[in-house]
Protein backbone atom coordinates (compact mmCIF):
# COMPACT_ATOMS: atom_id res chain seq x y z
CA MET A 1 95.12 118.18 89.24
CA PRO A 2 95.32 115.69 92.17
CA ILE A 3 95.88 117.58 95.53
CA HIS A 4 98.21 115.89 97.94
CA ASN A 5 98.68 118.53 100.76
CA LYS A 6 101.69 116.41 102.22
CA LEU A 7 105.41 116.37 103.27
CA VAL A 8 107.38 114.85 100.65
CA ARG A 9 111.06 113.94 100.36
CA ASP A 10 113.41 116.49 99.27
CA ARG A 11 114.05 115.15 95.70
CA ILE A 12 110.21 114.72 94.94
CA PRO A 13 109.71 118.11 92.97
CA GLU A 14 112.84 117.06 90.96
CA ILE A 15 111.55 114.07 90.08
CA ILE A 16 108.20 115.39 88.94
CA GLU A 17 109.73 118.07 87.03
CA ALA A 18 111.63 115.50 85.09
CA THR A 19 108.16 114.07 83.84
CA GLY A 20 107.26 117.39 82.55
CA LYS A 21 104.07 117.60 84.97
CA LYS A 22 103.25 120.94 86.51
CA PHE A 23 103.19 121.05 90.41
CA SER A 24 102.96 123.62 93.23
CA THR A 25 104.91 123.47 96.60
CA LYS A 26 105.78 125.66 99.40
CA ILE A 27 108.36 125.69 102.01
CA LEU A 28 107.09 124.98 105.70
CA ASN A 29 108.09 127.17 108.94
CA ASP A 30 109.25 125.05 111.74
CA ASP A 31 106.03 124.55 113.51
CA GLU A 32 104.17 123.47 110.31
CA TYR A 33 107.39 120.96 109.64
CA ILE A 34 107.07 119.13 112.89
CA LYS A 35 103.31 119.08 112.50
CA GLU A 36 103.83 117.58 109.16
CA LEU A 37 106.69 115.35 110.13
CA LYS A 38 104.32 113.67 112.95
CA THR A 39 101.43 113.41 110.16
CA LYS A 40 104.20 111.43 108.07
CA SER A 41 105.34 109.46 110.69
CA PHE A 42 101.79 107.90 111.24
CA GLU A 43 101.46 107.49 107.51
CA GLU A 44 104.77 105.80 107.17
CA LEU A 45 103.93 103.51 110.46
CA ASN A 46 100.38 102.65 108.88
CA GLU A 47 102.20 101.46 105.82
CA TYR A 48 104.84 99.63 107.81
CA ILE A 49 101.80 97.88 109.85
CA ASN A 50 100.14 96.76 106.73
CA THR A 51 102.98 95.23 104.87
CA ASP A 52 102.96 91.52 104.43
CA ASN A 53 106.43 90.75 103.91
CA ASP A 54 109.68 91.33 105.27
CA GLN A 55 111.01 93.52 101.91
CA ASP A 56 108.28 95.86 102.25
CA ALA A 57 108.75 95.87 106.04
CA VAL A 58 112.03 97.04 105.63
CA GLU A 59 111.21 99.56 103.21
CA GLU A 60 108.81 101.24 105.37
CA LEU A 61 110.87 100.94 108.44
CA ALA A 62 113.59 102.99 106.40
CA ASP A 63 111.21 105.56 105.70
CA LEU A 64 110.37 105.68 109.38
CA LEU A 65 113.95 106.20 110.09
CA GLU A 66 114.18 109.02 107.98
CA ILE A 67 111.53 110.83 109.71
CA ILE A 68 113.20 109.96 112.99
CA HIS A 69 116.43 111.50 111.64
CA ALA A 70 114.46 114.66 110.69
CA PHE A 71 112.66 114.60 114.31
CA ALA A 72 116.00 114.32 116.03
CA GLU A 73 117.31 117.32 113.84
CA CYS A 74 114.28 119.58 114.67
CA HIS A 75 114.88 118.89 118.47
CA GLY A 76 118.81 119.95 118.19
CA ALA A 77 119.94 116.33 118.17
CA THR A 78 121.91 114.16 116.02
CA PHE A 79 121.27 110.67 115.30
CA GLU A 80 124.49 109.67 117.51
CA ASP A 81 122.74 111.66 120.31
CA LEU A 82 119.37 109.55 119.74
CA GLU A 83 121.12 106.58 119.59
CA LYS A 84 123.26 107.21 122.73
CA VAL A 85 119.64 107.99 124.74
CA ARG A 86 118.56 104.62 123.25
CA GLN A 87 121.53 102.71 124.56
CA GLN A 88 121.13 104.38 127.88
CA LYS A 89 117.47 103.49 128.21
CA ALA A 90 118.30 99.61 127.04
CA GLU A 91 120.78 99.58 129.50
CA LYS A 92 118.35 100.75 132.31
CA ARG A 93 115.00 99.06 131.30
CA GLY A 94 116.18 96.62 128.63
CA GLY A 95 115.05 96.54 125.13
CA PHE A 96 112.29 94.32 123.15
CA LYS A 97 114.38 91.37 122.41
CA GLU A 98 112.83 89.14 124.83
CA LYS A 99 109.36 89.25 123.51
CA ILE A 100 108.01 89.78 127.18
CA TYR A 101 104.31 90.72 127.15
CA LEU A 102 103.06 91.78 130.59
CA ILE A 103 99.55 90.44 131.39
CA GLU A 104 98.72 92.02 134.73
CA VAL A 105 100.40 93.42 138.04
CA GLU A 106 99.03 93.03 141.58
CA ASP A 107 97.67 96.16 142.92
CA ASP A 108 99.17 97.36 146.37
């Protein structure tokens, strides 16, 4: 039986069960959960980085967004709270729409 040892979406056990396969799971405590969300975020980011078309990129971005929703909840925030902070930062420092690439800044 393959060993996965990774955080999975909530309905994955139900989906596996429907195939008739045997499996085992456990419920993580809060510290384990955040650690595994961090691991999962790197996994999903790597999958996004390795996409080669828009459709796959959007699929992986959706997975990353799901993880960001979970992170926000872990830290006592809603996604709306997170979006508000993002907007404030964008107003103060800008976003990334202009594709500016900083090469160097003169030292004092």
